[in-house]
C-alpha atoms as a PDB file:
ATOM      1  CA  MET A   1       0.000   0.000   0.000  1.00  0.00           C
ATOM      2  CA  GLU A   2       2.825   2.382   0.806  1.00  0.00           C
ATOM      3  CA  ASN A   3       4.152   2.204  -2.759  1.00  0.00           C
ATOM      4  CA  ASP A   4       0.730   3.075  -4.224  1.00  0.00           C
ATOM      5  CA  LEU A   5       0.280   6.304  -2.234  1.00  0.00           C
ATOM      6  CA  LYS A   6       0.513   9.593  -4.078  1.00  0.00           C
ATOM      7  CA  CYS A   7       0.094  13.144  -2.882  1.00  0.00           C
ATOM      8  CA  PRO A   8      -3.563  14.222  -3.264  1.00  0.00           C
ATOM      9  CA  GLU A   9      -2.451  17.794  -4.104  1.00  0.00           C
ATOM     10  CA  CYS A  10       0.328  17.391  -6.671  1.00  0.00           C
ATOM     11  CA  GLY A  11       0.426  13.636  -7.419  1.00  0.00           C
ATOM     12  CA  CYS A  12       4.018  13.205  -6.251  1.00  0.00           C
ATOM     13  CA  GLU A  13       5.033   9.569  -5.699  1.00  0.00           C
ATOM     14  CA  HIS A  14       7.843  10.377  -3.220  1.00  0.00           C
ATOM     15  CA  VAL A  15       5.662  10.638  -0.112  1.00  0.00           C
ATOM     16  CA  TYR A  16       6.810   9.456   3.303  1.00  0.00           C
ATOM     17  CA  PRO A  17       5.139   8.639   6.640  1.00  0.00           C
ATOM     18  CA  ASP A  18       5.476  11.123   9.492  1.00  0.00           C
ATOM     19  CA  GLY A  19       3.786   9.625  12.528  1.00  0.00           C
ATOM     20  CA  SER A  20       0.136   8.978  11.637  1.00  0.00           C
ATOM     21  CA  LEU A  21       0.254  11.361   8.642  1.00  0.00           C
ATOM     22  CA  TRP A  22       1.884  11.138   5.232  1.00  0.00           C
ATOM     23  CA  THR A  23       3.927  14.077   3.931  1.00  0.00           C
ATOM     24  CA  CYS A  24       4.779  15.209   0.406  1.00  0.00           C
ATOM     25  CA  PRO A  25       8.313  16.627   0.037  1.00  0.00           C
ATOM     26  CA  GLU A  26       7.426  18.661  -3.077  1.00  0.00           C
ATOM     27  CA  CYS A  27       4.382  20.659  -1.935  1.00  0.00           C
ATOM     28  CA  GLY A  28       4.449  20.085   1.846  1.00  0.00           C
ATOM     29  CA  CYS A  29       0.961  18.598   1.951  1.00  0.00           C
ATOM     30  CA  GLU A  30       0.131  16.379   4.951  1.00  0.00           C
ATOM     31  CA  TRP A  31      -2.800  13.931   5.021  1.00  0.00           C
ATOM     32  CA  ASN A  32      -4.114  10.754   6.587  1.00  0.00           C
ATOM     33  CA  PRO A  33      -4.828   8.099   3.904  1.00  0.00           C
ATOM     34  CA  LYS A  34      -7.591   6.518   6.030  1.00  0.00           C
ATOM     35  CA  ASP A  35      -9.490   9.830   6.176  1.00  0.00           C
ATOM     36  CA  ASN A  36      -9.149  10.318   2.402  1.00  0.00           C
ATOM     37  CA  ALA A  37     -10.601   6.862   1.686  1.00  0.00           C
ATOM     38  CA  ALA A  38     -13.575   7.531   3.969  1.00  0.00           C
ATOM     39  CA  GLY A  39     -14.124  10.976   2.451  1.00  0.00           C
ATOM     40  CA  ALA A  40     -14.086   9.657  -1.091  1.00  0.00           C
ATOM     41  CA  ALA A  41     -16.741   7.074  -0.230  1.00  0.00           C
ATOM     42  CA  ALA A  42     -18.953   9.715   1.377  1.00  0.00           C
ATOM     43  CA  ASP A  43     -18.801  12.116  -1.599  1.00  0.00           C
ATOM     44  CA  GLY A  44     -21.434  10.268  -3.594  1.00  0.00           C
ATOM     45  CA  PRO A  45     -22.392   7.041  -5.270  1.00  0.00           C
ATOM     46  CA  GLY A  46     -19.656   7.337  -7.885  1.00  0.00           C
ATOM     47  CA  GLU A  47     -20.055   5.081 -10.911  1.00  0.00           C
ATOM     48  CA  ILE A  48     -22.879   2.595 -10.706  1.00  0.00           C
ATOM     49  CA  ARG A  49     -22.448  -0.374 -13.015  1.00  0.00           C
ATOM     50  CA  ASP A  50     -24.874  -3.036 -14.187  1.00  0.00           C
ATOM     51  CA  ALA A  51     -24.328  -6.815 -14.090  1.00  0.00           C
ATOM     52  CA  ASN A  52     -22.235  -6.648 -17.298  1.00  0.00           C
ATOM     53  CA  GLY A  53     -20.034  -3.782 -16.080  1.00  0.00           C
ATOM     54  CA  ASN A  54     -21.665  -1.011 -18.147  1.00  0.00           C
ATOM     55  CA  VAL A  55     -21.879   2.393 -16.458  1.00  0.00           C
ATOM     56  CA  LEU A  56     -25.473   3.439 -15.704  1.00  0.00           C
ATOM     57  CA  ALA A  57     -26.815   7.003 -15.776  1.00  0.00           C
ATOM     58  CA  ASP A  58     -30.075   8.704 -14.807  1.00  0.00           C
ATOM     59  CA  GLY A  59     -32.775   8.140 -17.429  1.00  0.00           C
ATOM     60  CA  ASP A  60     -31.313   4.903 -18.818  1.00  0.00           C
ATOM     61  CA  SER A  61     -33.455   1.895 -19.626  1.00  0.00           C
ATOM     62  CA  VAL A  62     -32.515  -1.406 -18.029  1.00  0.00           C
ATOM     63  CA  THR A  63     -33.683  -5.015 -18.180  1.00  0.00           C
ATOM     64  CA  VAL A  64     -34.033  -7.223 -15.104  1.00  0.00           C
ATOM     65  CA  ILE A  65     -31.843 -10.332 -15.575  1.00  0.00           C
ATOM     66  CA  LYS A  66     -33.515 -12.731 -13.115  1.00  0.00           C
ATOM     67  CA  ASP A  67     -36.778 -13.194 -11.258  1.00  0.00           C
ATOM     68  CA  LEU A  68     -36.844 -10.982  -8.160  1.00  0.00           C
ATOM     69  CA  LYS A  69     -39.140 -11.637  -5.218  1.00  0.00           C
ATOM     70  CA  ILE A  70     -40.575  -8.512  -3.639  1.00  0.00           C
ATOM     71  CA  LYS A  71     -40.198  -8.486   0.113  1.00  0.00           C
ATOM     72  CA  GLY A  72     -43.568  -8.205   1.867  1.00  0.00           C
ATOM     73  CA  ALA A  73     -45.605  -8.934  -1.266  1.00  0.00           C
ATOM     74  CA  SER A  74     -46.691 -12.003  -3.168  1.00  0.00           C
ATOM     75  CA  SER A  75     -45.687 -10.596  -6.560  1.00  0.00           C
ATOM     76  CA  VAL A  76     -42.470 -11.208  -8.496  1.00  0.00           C
ATOM     77  CA  ILE A  77     -40.547  -9.086 -10.997  1.00  0.00           C
ATOM     78  CA  LYS A  78     -39.927 -11.475 -13.883  1.00  0.00           C
ATOM     79  CA  GLY A  79     -36.558 -11.710 -15.595  1.00  0.00           C
ATOM     80  CA  GLY A  80     -36.620  -9.799 -18.887  1.00  0.00           C
ATOM     81  CA  THR A  81     -38.817  -6.990 -17.530  1.00  0.00           C
ATOM     82  CA  LYS A  82     -37.776  -3.703 -19.139  1.00  0.00           C
ATOM     83  CA  VAL A  83     -37.609  -0.642 -16.874  1.00  0.00           C
ATOM     84  CA  LYS A  84     -37.440   2.837 -18.429  1.00  0.00           C
ATOM     85  CA  GLY A  85     -36.231   6.093 -16.904  1.00  0.00           C
ATOM     86  CA  ILE A  86     -34.242   4.898 -13.891  1.00  0.00           C
ATOM     87  CA  ARG A  87     -32.859   7.241 -11.221  1.00  0.00           C
ATOM     88  CA  LEU A  88     -29.557   6.522  -9.506  1.00  0.00           C
ATOM     89  CA  VAL A  89     -29.682   6.925  -5.729  1.00  0.00           C
ATOM     90  CA  ASP A  90     -27.213   6.432  -2.902  1.00  0.00           C
ATOM     91  CA  GLY A  91     -28.888   3.501  -1.170  1.00  0.00           C
ATOM     92  CA  THR A  92     -27.193   2.422   2.032  1.00  0.00           C
ATOM     93  CA  ASP A  93     -28.693  -1.061   1.731  1.00  0.00           C
ATOM     94  CA  GLY A  94     -27.301  -1.655  -1.776  1.00  0.00           C
ATOM     95  CA  HIS A  95     -30.483  -0.689  -3.643  1.00  0.00           C
ATOM     96  CA  ASN A  96     -29.018   2.030  -5.853  1.00  0.00           C
ATOM     97  CA  ILE A  97     -31.661   2.282  -8.608  1.00  0.00           C
ATOM     98  CA  ALA A  98     -35.056   3.929  -8.060  1.00  0.00           C
ATOM     99  CA  CYS A  99     -37.675   3.219 -10.721  1.00  0.00           C
ATOM    100  CA  LYS A 100     -41.331   2.571 -11.510  1.00  0.00           C
ATOM    101  CA  ILE A 101     -42.385  -0.796 -12.890  1.00  0.00           C
ATOM    102  CA  ALA A 102     -45.751  -1.210 -14.613  1.00  0.00           C
ATOM    103  CA  GLY A 103     -48.101  -3.314 -12.507  1.00  0.00           C
ATOM    104  CA  ILE A 104     -45.918  -3.007  -9.410  1.00  0.00           C
ATOM    105  CA  GLY A 105     -45.240   0.699  -8.860  1.00  0.00           C
ATOM    106  CA  ALA A 106     -42.263   2.550  -7.395  1.00  0.00           C
ATOM    107  CA  ILE A 107     -39.466   0.269  -6.245  1.00  0.00           C
ATOM    108  CA  ASN A 108     -35.713   0.254  -5.604  1.00  0.00           C
ATOM    109  CA  LEU A 109     -33.450  -2.284  -7.306  1.00  0.00           C
ATOM    110  CA  LYS A 110     -29.839  -3.371  -6.963  1.00  0.00           C
ATOM    111  CA  SER A 111     -27.709  -2.672 -10.025  1.00  0.00           C
ATOM    112  CA  GLU A 112     -26.245  -6.190  -9.931  1.00  0.00           C
ATOM    113  CA  PHE A 113     -29.629  -7.613 -11.066  1.00  0.00           C
ATOM    114  CA  VAL A 114     -30.091  -5.431 -14.165  1.00  0.00           C
ATOM    115  CA  ARG A 115     -28.353  -4.880 -17.474  1.00  0.00           C
ATOM    116  CA  LYS A 116     -28.397  -1.797 -19.651  1.00  0.00           C
ATOM    117  CA  ALA A 117     -30.981  -2.041 -22.439  1.00  0.00           C
END
């Protein structure tokens, strides 16, 4: 891990540890790599990818790739169901797609169970 660290300000590869912080000799920047990793994760959802690795965006159409049982209901979302106009959300439980499905209504899906149409 130490060899992969670069300065977040200037990108210098010659950084060195100084106690609990890392220091850049070129620009004098000091940072804690653990704080930077946590901050990057909290900035936003980042890239959300489908089951095939394609990057999804708001407004895309997706297809459900397998039958999905709906918790608390007796209905099922069948594999092959096309969903239009998705919204990407930052779901803490892994459900990062908000959408409306005909016959079911508003629902959240996990991106690992859809592919871009």
